[in-house]
Amino acid sequence: MPTKTTSKKKALEGNPGKRDLTISAPNYTSLLKADPPEYLDQIAKDEFKRIVPELIKLRILKIGDLHNISIYCQAVSNMIQANDHIQQNGFMLTNPLNGIIYKNPMAGIFNDSQRQILKYSQEFGLTPMSRTKIDIPDVENDDGMFS
């Protein structure tokens, strides 16, 4: 599948295809700081504190993105907790009443969480391929240069 070229990149290249460019996307306010929402559990808050400063530094995270990044962080927590449960109790469980073996329900939570993580990772440019598809504003480095 070919990678999508952003409108900004096409404009810089002189718009070789001569198609209309959609450069007028909404320009929401970039966040300068964000604290994790109270409703997140501790693992999700830790993930929020790990990833959000980097997204803020790159000026990717906007004010309207807080709920979406919170969903990502809670999905990371859910995946970790489901994995811990599977590690402690096994992938297969036995019903003590009738001896029937069944799949640990946490496996479904683990898989659903992984899908959510991948989806939101792509939205925020957290995967190698998605980083090539997002416009990152010029950010001043510590040495005063723009990247």
N, C-alpha and C. Protein backbone atom coordinates (compact mmCIF):
# COMPACT_ATOMS: atom_id res chain seq x y z
N MET A 1 0.85 -1.17 0.00
CA MET A 1 0.00 0.00 0.00
C MET A 1 0.90 1.24 0.00
N PRO A 2 0.72 2.14 -0.94
CA PRO A 2 1.56 3.33 -1.00
C PRO A 2 1.28 4.25 0.19
N THR A 3 2.33 4.95 0.62
CA THR A 3 2.16 5.88 1.73
C THR A 3 1.47 7.14 1.24
N LYS A 4 0.67 7.73 2.11
CA LYS A 4 -0.06 8.94 1.78
C LYS A 4 0.87 10.14 1.95
N THR A 5 0.91 10.99 0.95
CA THR A 5 1.69 12.21 1.05
C THR A 5 0.79 13.30 1.60
N THR A 6 1.26 14.00 2.61
CA THR A 6 0.45 15.03 3.24
C THR A 6 0.31 16.25 2.33
N SER A 7 -0.75 17.02 2.56
CA SER A 7 -0.98 18.23 1.77
C SER A 7 0.16 19.22 1.93
N LYS A 8 0.71 19.30 3.15
CA LYS A 8 1.82 20.21 3.41
C LYS A 8 3.03 19.83 2.56
N LYS A 9 3.31 18.53 2.50
CA LYS A 9 4.45 18.06 1.71
C LYS A 9 4.22 18.31 0.22
N LYS A 10 2.99 18.04 -0.24
CA LYS A 10 2.67 18.28 -1.66
C LYS A 10 2.85 19.76 -2.01
N ALA A 11 2.41 20.64 -1.11
CA ALA A 11 2.56 22.08 -1.36
C ALA A 11 4.03 22.47 -1.45
N LEU A 12 4.85 21.90 -0.57
CA LEU A 12 6.28 22.19 -0.59
C LEU A 12 6.95 21.69 -1.87
N GLU A 13 6.40 20.61 -2.44
CA GLU A 13 6.94 20.04 -3.67
C GLU A 13 6.37 20.72 -4.91
N GLY A 14 5.56 21.75 -4.72
CA GLY A 14 4.99 22.47 -5.85
C GLY A 14 3.70 21.86 -6.38
N ASN A 15 3.08 20.98 -5.61
CA ASN A 15 1.83 20.33 -5.98
C ASN A 15 1.93 19.69 -7.37
N PRO A 16 2.80 18.68 -7.53
CA PRO A 16 3.02 18.08 -8.84
C PRO A 16 1.78 17.51 -9.50
N GLY A 17 0.80 17.03 -8.72
CA GLY A 17 -0.42 16.46 -9.30
C GLY A 17 -1.46 17.49 -9.67
N LYS A 18 -1.25 18.74 -9.29
CA LYS A 18 -2.13 19.88 -9.58
C LYS A 18 -3.56 19.67 -9.08
N ARG A 19 -3.74 18.80 -8.07
CA ARG A 19 -5.06 18.60 -7.47
C ARG A 19 -5.25 19.61 -6.34
N ASP A 20 -6.51 19.85 -5.98
CA ASP A 20 -6.78 20.74 -4.86
C ASP A 20 -6.17 20.16 -3.59
N LEU A 21 -5.51 21.00 -2.81
CA LEU A 21 -4.92 20.58 -1.56
C LEU A 21 -5.81 21.01 -0.40
N THR A 22 -6.02 20.10 0.53
CA THR A 22 -6.83 20.43 1.70
C THR A 22 -5.90 20.83 2.84
N ILE A 23 -5.46 22.07 2.77
CA ILE A 23 -4.55 22.60 3.79
C ILE A 23 -5.34 23.28 4.90
N SER A 24 -6.62 23.46 4.73
CA SER A 24 -7.42 24.21 5.68
C SER A 24 -8.00 23.34 6.80
N ALA A 25 -7.23 22.39 7.30
CA ALA A 25 -7.68 21.57 8.43
C ALA A 25 -7.77 22.45 9.67
N PRO A 26 -8.68 22.11 10.59
CA PRO A 26 -8.79 22.91 11.81
C PRO A 26 -7.46 22.97 12.55
N ASN A 27 -7.16 24.12 13.10
CA ASN A 27 -5.90 24.30 13.81
C ASN A 27 -6.21 24.47 15.29
N TYR A 28 -6.41 23.35 16.00
CA TYR A 28 -6.72 23.40 17.41
C TYR A 28 -5.50 23.82 18.21
N THR A 29 -5.73 24.31 19.40
CA THR A 29 -4.66 24.77 20.27
C THR A 29 -3.78 23.62 20.73
N SER A 30 -2.47 23.78 20.54
CA SER A 30 -1.53 22.78 21.04
C SER A 30 -1.45 22.90 22.55
N LEU A 31 -1.31 21.76 23.19
CA LEU A 31 -1.17 21.77 24.64
C LEU A 31 0.27 22.04 25.03
N LEU A 32 0.45 22.76 26.11
CA LEU A 32 1.78 23.02 26.65
C LEU A 32 2.05 22.12 27.85
N LYS A 33 0.97 21.61 28.44
CA LYS A 33 1.06 20.76 29.62
C LYS A 33 -0.27 20.03 29.75
N ALA A 34 -0.22 18.81 30.28
CA ALA A 34 -1.46 18.08 30.53
C ALA A 34 -1.24 17.10 31.67
N ASP A 35 -2.20 17.06 32.57
CA ASP A 35 -2.17 16.11 33.66
C ASP A 35 -3.13 14.96 33.34
N PRO A 36 -2.81 13.76 33.79
CA PRO A 36 -3.71 12.64 33.51
C PRO A 36 -5.05 12.84 34.19
N PRO A 37 -6.13 12.48 33.50
CA PRO A 37 -7.46 12.60 34.12
C PRO A 37 -7.58 11.71 35.36
N GLU A 38 -8.36 12.15 36.31
CA GLU A 38 -8.55 11.41 37.56
C GLU A 38 -9.17 10.03 37.33
N TYR A 39 -9.98 9.88 36.29
CA TYR A 39 -10.68 8.61 36.08
C TYR A 39 -9.77 7.48 35.58
N LEU A 40 -8.54 7.80 35.19
CA LEU A 40 -7.61 6.75 34.76
C LEU A 40 -7.07 6.02 35.98
N ASP A 41 -6.83 4.70 35.83
CA ASP A 41 -6.18 3.98 36.92
C ASP A 41 -4.69 4.30 36.93
N GLN A 42 -3.95 3.80 37.92
CA GLN A 42 -2.56 4.20 38.09
C GLN A 42 -1.68 3.78 36.92
N ILE A 43 -1.89 2.60 36.37
CA ILE A 43 -1.07 2.16 35.23
C ILE A 43 -1.31 3.09 34.04
N ALA A 44 -2.57 3.45 33.80
CA ALA A 44 -2.90 4.35 32.70
C ALA A 44 -2.31 5.74 32.94
N LYS A 45 -2.35 6.21 34.18
CA LYS A 45 -1.75 7.51 34.51
C LYS A 45 -0.24 7.48 34.25
N ASP A 46 0.40 6.37 34.59
CA ASP A 46 1.84 6.24 34.34
C ASP A 46 2.13 6.29 32.84
N GLU A 47 1.30 5.64 32.04
CA GLU A 47 1.47 5.67 30.58
C GLU A 47 1.24 7.08 30.05
N PHE A 48 0.24 7.76 30.58
CA PHE A 48 -0.05 9.14 30.21
C PHE A 48 1.18 10.02 30.47
N LYS A 49 1.77 9.86 31.65
CA LYS A 49 2.96 10.66 32.02
C LYS A 49 4.17 10.30 31.17
N ARG A 50 4.20 9.08 30.63
CA ARG A 50 5.31 8.66 29.79
C ARG A 50 5.20 9.21 28.37
N ILE A 51 4.00 9.14 27.78
CA ILE A 51 3.85 9.44 26.35
C ILE A 51 3.43 10.88 26.07
N VAL A 52 2.61 11.47 26.91
CA VAL A 52 2.06 12.80 26.63
C VAL A 52 3.14 13.88 26.53
N PRO A 53 4.15 13.92 27.42
CA PRO A 53 5.17 14.96 27.26
C PRO A 53 5.87 14.92 25.89
N GLU A 54 6.06 13.73 25.36
CA GLU A 54 6.69 13.61 24.04
C GLU A 54 5.77 14.15 22.95
N LEU A 55 4.48 13.84 23.04
CA LEU A 55 3.52 14.35 22.05
C LEU A 55 3.38 15.87 22.16
N ILE A 56 3.46 16.39 23.37
CA ILE A 56 3.40 17.84 23.57
C ILE A 56 4.66 18.49 22.99
N LYS A 57 5.81 17.88 23.25
CA LYS A 57 7.07 18.41 22.73
C LYS A 57 7.04 18.51 21.20
N LEU A 58 6.43 17.53 20.55
CA LEU A 58 6.33 17.52 19.09
C LEU A 58 5.15 18.36 18.58
N ARG A 59 4.39 18.92 19.50
CA ARG A 59 3.19 19.71 19.19
C ARG A 59 2.17 18.92 18.38
N ILE A 60 2.07 17.65 18.66
CA ILE A 60 1.08 16.78 18.03
C ILE A 60 -0.21 16.80 18.83
N LEU A 61 -0.10 16.85 20.14
CA LEU A 61 -1.27 16.75 21.02
C LEU A 61 -1.99 18.09 21.12
N LYS A 62 -3.25 18.07 20.75
CA LYS A 62 -4.08 19.27 20.80
C LYS A 62 -5.11 19.11 21.91
N ILE A 63 -5.77 20.19 22.24
CA ILE A 63 -6.71 20.19 23.35
C ILE A 63 -7.84 19.17 23.14
N GLY A 64 -8.26 18.96 21.93
CA GLY A 64 -9.34 18.01 21.65
C GLY A 64 -8.91 16.55 21.68
N ASP A 65 -7.62 16.30 21.88
CA ASP A 65 -7.10 14.94 21.84
C ASP A 65 -7.02 14.27 23.21
N LEU A 66 -7.32 15.00 24.27
CA LEU A 66 -7.10 14.45 25.61
C LEU A 66 -7.90 13.18 25.88
N HIS A 67 -9.14 13.13 25.44
CA HIS A 67 -9.93 11.91 25.68
C HIS A 67 -9.37 10.75 24.86
N ASN A 68 -8.94 11.03 23.64
CA ASN A 68 -8.40 9.96 22.81
C ASN A 68 -7.09 9.41 23.37
N ILE A 69 -6.21 10.27 23.84
CA ILE A 69 -4.96 9.77 24.41
C ILE A 69 -5.25 9.06 25.73
N SER A 70 -6.29 9.47 26.43
CA SER A 70 -6.69 8.78 27.66
C SER A 70 -7.20 7.37 27.35
N ILE A 71 -7.94 7.23 26.25
CA ILE A 71 -8.40 5.90 25.84
C ILE A 71 -7.20 5.01 25.54
N TYR A 72 -6.22 5.55 24.83
CA TYR A 72 -4.99 4.81 24.54
C TYR A 72 -4.33 4.35 25.84
N CYS A 73 -4.18 5.27 26.79
CA CYS A 73 -3.50 4.95 28.05
C CYS A 73 -4.27 3.90 28.85
N GLN A 74 -5.58 4.00 28.88
CA GLN A 74 -6.37 3.00 29.62
C GLN A 74 -6.30 1.64 28.92
N ALA A 75 -6.24 1.64 27.60
CA ALA A 75 -6.10 0.38 26.86
C ALA A 75 -4.76 -0.28 27.19
N VAL A 76 -3.70 0.52 27.34
CA VAL A 76 -2.40 -0.03 27.74
C VAL A 76 -2.53 -0.68 29.12
N SER A 77 -3.19 0.01 30.04
CA SER A 77 -3.39 -0.53 31.39
C SER A 77 -4.21 -1.82 31.33
N ASN A 78 -5.29 -1.82 30.56
CA ASN A 78 -6.13 -3.02 30.45
C ASN A 78 -5.35 -4.20 29.91
N MET A 79 -4.50 -3.94 28.91
CA MET A 79 -3.69 -5.00 28.32
C MET A 79 -2.72 -5.57 29.36
N ILE A 80 -2.06 -4.70 30.10
CA ILE A 80 -1.11 -5.14 31.11
C ILE A 80 -1.81 -5.95 32.20
N GLN A 81 -2.95 -5.47 32.67
CA GLN A 81 -3.67 -6.18 33.72
C GLN A 81 -4.21 -7.52 33.23
N ALA A 82 -4.70 -7.56 32.00
CA ALA A 82 -5.19 -8.82 31.45
C ALA A 82 -4.03 -9.80 31.30
N ASN A 83 -2.89 -9.31 30.84
CA ASN A 83 -1.72 -10.17 30.68
C ASN A 83 -1.26 -10.71 32.03
N ASP A 84 -1.25 -9.86 33.05
CA ASP A 84 -0.87 -10.32 34.39
C ASP A 84 -1.80 -11.43 34.87
N HIS A 85 -3.10 -11.26 34.63
CA HIS A 85 -4.07 -12.28 35.05
C HIS A 85 -3.83 -13.60 34.31
N ILE A 86 -3.56 -13.50 33.02
CA ILE A 86 -3.29 -14.70 32.21
C ILE A 86 -2.01 -15.38 32.70
N GLN A 87 -0.98 -14.59 32.99
CA GLN A 87 0.28 -15.16 33.49
C GLN A 87 0.08 -15.89 34.82
N GLN A 88 -0.77 -15.35 35.68
CA GLN A 88 -0.99 -15.95 37.00
C GLN A 88 -1.93 -17.16 36.94
N ASN A 89 -2.93 -17.12 36.05
CA ASN A 89 -3.97 -18.14 36.07
C ASN A 89 -3.97 -19.05 34.86
N GLY A 90 -3.19 -18.71 33.86
CA GLY A 90 -3.13 -19.53 32.65
C GLY A 90 -4.10 -19.06 31.58
N PHE A 91 -3.80 -19.48 30.36
CA PHE A 91 -4.64 -19.11 29.22
C PHE A 91 -5.94 -19.92 29.23
N MET A 92 -5.83 -21.15 29.72
CA MET A 92 -7.01 -22.01 29.82
C MET A 92 -7.36 -22.20 31.29
N LEU A 93 -8.64 -22.16 31.61
CA LEU A 93 -9.14 -22.34 32.97
C LEU A 93 -10.04 -23.56 33.02
N THR A 94 -10.22 -24.10 34.22
CA THR A 94 -11.09 -25.25 34.41
C THR A 94 -12.23 -24.85 35.34
N ASN A 95 -13.45 -25.12 34.92
CA ASN A 95 -14.62 -24.86 35.74
C ASN A 95 -14.60 -25.85 36.90
N PRO A 96 -14.55 -25.34 38.16
CA PRO A 96 -14.46 -26.27 39.29
C PRO A 96 -15.73 -27.10 39.51
N LEU A 97 -16.85 -26.68 38.96
CA LEU A 97 -18.10 -27.41 39.16
C LEU A 97 -18.24 -28.62 38.24
N ASN A 98 -17.79 -28.45 36.98
CA ASN A 98 -18.00 -29.54 36.02
C ASN A 98 -16.74 -29.99 35.30
N GLY A 99 -15.60 -29.36 35.59
CA GLY A 99 -14.34 -29.77 35.00
C GLY A 99 -14.14 -29.36 33.55
N ILE A 100 -15.05 -28.59 33.00
CA ILE A 100 -14.92 -28.15 31.60
C ILE A 100 -13.82 -27.10 31.50
N ILE A 101 -12.96 -27.28 30.51
CA ILE A 101 -11.86 -26.35 30.27
C ILE A 101 -12.34 -25.27 29.30
N TYR A 102 -12.01 -24.03 29.61
CA TYR A 102 -12.42 -22.91 28.76
C TYR A 102 -11.32 -21.87 28.70
N LYS A 103 -11.40 -21.03 27.68
CA LYS A 103 -10.41 -19.96 27.50
C LYS A 103 -10.63 -18.88 28.56
N ASN A 104 -9.53 -18.42 29.12
CA ASN A 104 -9.58 -17.35 30.10
C ASN A 104 -10.21 -16.11 29.47
N PRO A 105 -11.28 -15.56 30.05
CA PRO A 105 -11.93 -14.37 29.47
C PRO A 105 -10.99 -13.17 29.34
N MET A 106 -9.93 -13.15 30.12
CA MET A 106 -8.97 -12.05 30.03
C MET A 106 -8.25 -12.04 28.69
N ALA A 107 -8.23 -13.17 28.00
CA ALA A 107 -7.59 -13.21 26.67
C ALA A 107 -8.33 -12.28 25.70
N GLY A 108 -9.65 -12.23 25.81
CA GLY A 108 -10.43 -11.32 24.97
C GLY A 108 -10.16 -9.87 25.30
N ILE A 109 -10.05 -9.56 26.58
CA ILE A 109 -9.73 -8.19 27.00
C ILE A 109 -8.33 -7.82 26.52
N PHE A 110 -7.40 -8.76 26.63
CA PHE A 110 -6.04 -8.54 26.15
C PHE A 110 -6.04 -8.21 24.66
N ASN A 111 -6.73 -9.03 23.87
CA ASN A 111 -6.78 -8.82 22.42
C ASN A 111 -7.49 -7.52 22.04
N ASP A 112 -8.61 -7.23 22.69
CA ASP A 112 -9.34 -5.98 22.41
C ASP A 112 -8.47 -4.77 22.75
N SER A 113 -7.74 -4.85 23.85
CA SER A 113 -6.87 -3.74 24.26
C SER A 113 -5.75 -3.54 23.24
N GLN A 114 -5.18 -4.63 22.75
CA GLN A 114 -4.14 -4.50 21.73
C GLN A 114 -4.66 -3.81 20.48
N ARG A 115 -5.87 -4.14 20.07
CA ARG A 115 -6.46 -3.48 18.89
C ARG A 115 -6.65 -1.99 19.14
N GLN A 116 -7.13 -1.64 20.33
CA GLN A 116 -7.31 -0.22 20.66
C GLN A 116 -5.96 0.50 20.69
N ILE A 117 -4.97 -0.13 21.27
CA ILE A 117 -3.64 0.48 21.34
C ILE A 117 -3.11 0.74 19.94
N LEU A 118 -3.22 -0.24 19.08
CA LEU A 118 -2.74 -0.06 17.70
C LEU A 118 -3.49 1.06 17.00
N LYS A 119 -4.81 1.10 17.14
CA LYS A 119 -5.62 2.14 16.50
C LYS A 119 -5.19 3.53 16.95
N TYR A 120 -5.10 3.73 18.26
CA TYR A 120 -4.75 5.05 18.77
C TYR A 120 -3.27 5.36 18.57
N SER A 121 -2.42 4.35 18.56
CA SER A 121 -1.01 4.58 18.24
C SER A 121 -0.87 5.16 16.84
N GLN A 122 -1.66 4.64 15.92
CA GLN A 122 -1.61 5.15 14.55
C GLN A 122 -2.15 6.57 14.47
N GLU A 123 -3.16 6.89 15.25
CA GLU A 123 -3.73 8.24 15.24
C GLU A 123 -2.72 9.29 15.70
N PHE A 124 -1.87 8.91 16.66
CA PHE A 124 -0.92 9.87 17.23
C PHE A 124 0.49 9.72 16.67
N GLY A 125 0.65 8.93 15.62
CA GLY A 125 1.97 8.79 15.00
C GLY A 125 2.94 8.00 15.85
N LEU A 126 2.46 7.02 16.59
CA LEU A 126 3.30 6.24 17.48
C LEU A 126 3.78 4.93 16.87
N THR A 127 3.49 4.72 15.59
CA THR A 127 4.01 3.54 14.90
C THR A 127 4.93 4.02 13.79
N PRO A 128 5.87 3.19 13.35
CA PRO A 128 6.80 3.64 12.31
C PRO A 128 6.10 4.14 11.04
N MET A 129 5.11 3.42 10.57
CA MET A 129 4.42 3.82 9.34
C MET A 129 3.58 5.09 9.55
N SER A 130 2.90 5.18 10.69
CA SER A 130 2.05 6.36 10.91
C SER A 130 2.86 7.64 11.08
N ARG A 131 4.10 7.52 11.54
CA ARG A 131 4.95 8.72 11.66
C ARG A 131 5.21 9.36 10.31
N THR A 132 5.19 8.55 9.25
CA THR A 132 5.45 9.10 7.92
C THR A 132 4.23 9.82 7.35
N LYS A 133 3.06 9.64 7.99
CA LYS A 133 1.82 10.18 7.44
C LYS A 133 1.30 11.42 8.15
N ILE A 134 1.95 11.82 9.23
CA ILE A 134 1.43 12.98 9.95
C ILE A 134 2.34 14.19 9.75
N ASP A 135 1.72 15.35 9.78
CA ASP A 135 2.47 16.60 9.71
C ASP A 135 2.88 16.99 11.11
N ILE A 136 4.16 17.07 11.34
CA ILE A 136 4.67 17.52 12.63
C ILE A 136 5.15 18.94 12.43
N PRO A 137 4.61 19.88 13.19
CA PRO A 137 5.05 21.27 13.04
C PRO A 137 6.53 21.40 13.36
N ASP A 138 7.16 22.42 12.78
CA ASP A 138 8.55 22.68 13.11
C ASP A 138 8.67 22.96 14.59
N VAL A 139 9.60 22.28 15.23
CA VAL A 139 9.79 22.42 16.67
C VAL A 139 11.22 22.89 16.92
N GLU A 140 11.36 23.90 17.77
CA GLU A 140 12.68 24.41 18.09
C GLU A 140 13.39 23.44 19.02
N ASN A 141 14.61 23.04 18.63
CA ASN A 141 15.43 22.15 19.45
C ASN A 141 16.08 22.94 20.57
N ASP A 142 16.75 22.21 21.47
CA ASP A 142 17.44 22.86 22.59
C ASP A 142 18.53 23.80 22.12
N ASP A 143 19.10 23.55 20.94
CA ASP A 143 20.18 24.39 20.44
C ASP A 143 19.68 25.59 19.62
N GLY A 144 18.34 25.81 19.62
CA GLY A 144 17.77 26.95 18.92
C GLY A 144 17.47 26.69 17.46
N MET A 145 17.77 25.49 16.97
CA MET A 145 17.52 25.13 15.58
C MET A 145 16.14 24.50 15.47
N PHE A 146 15.53 24.58 14.29
CA PHE A 146 14.24 23.97 14.05
C PHE A 146 14.44 22.66 13.32
N SER A 147 13.62 21.68 13.69
CA SER A 147 13.70 20.38 13.00
C SER A 147 12.43 20.16 12.21
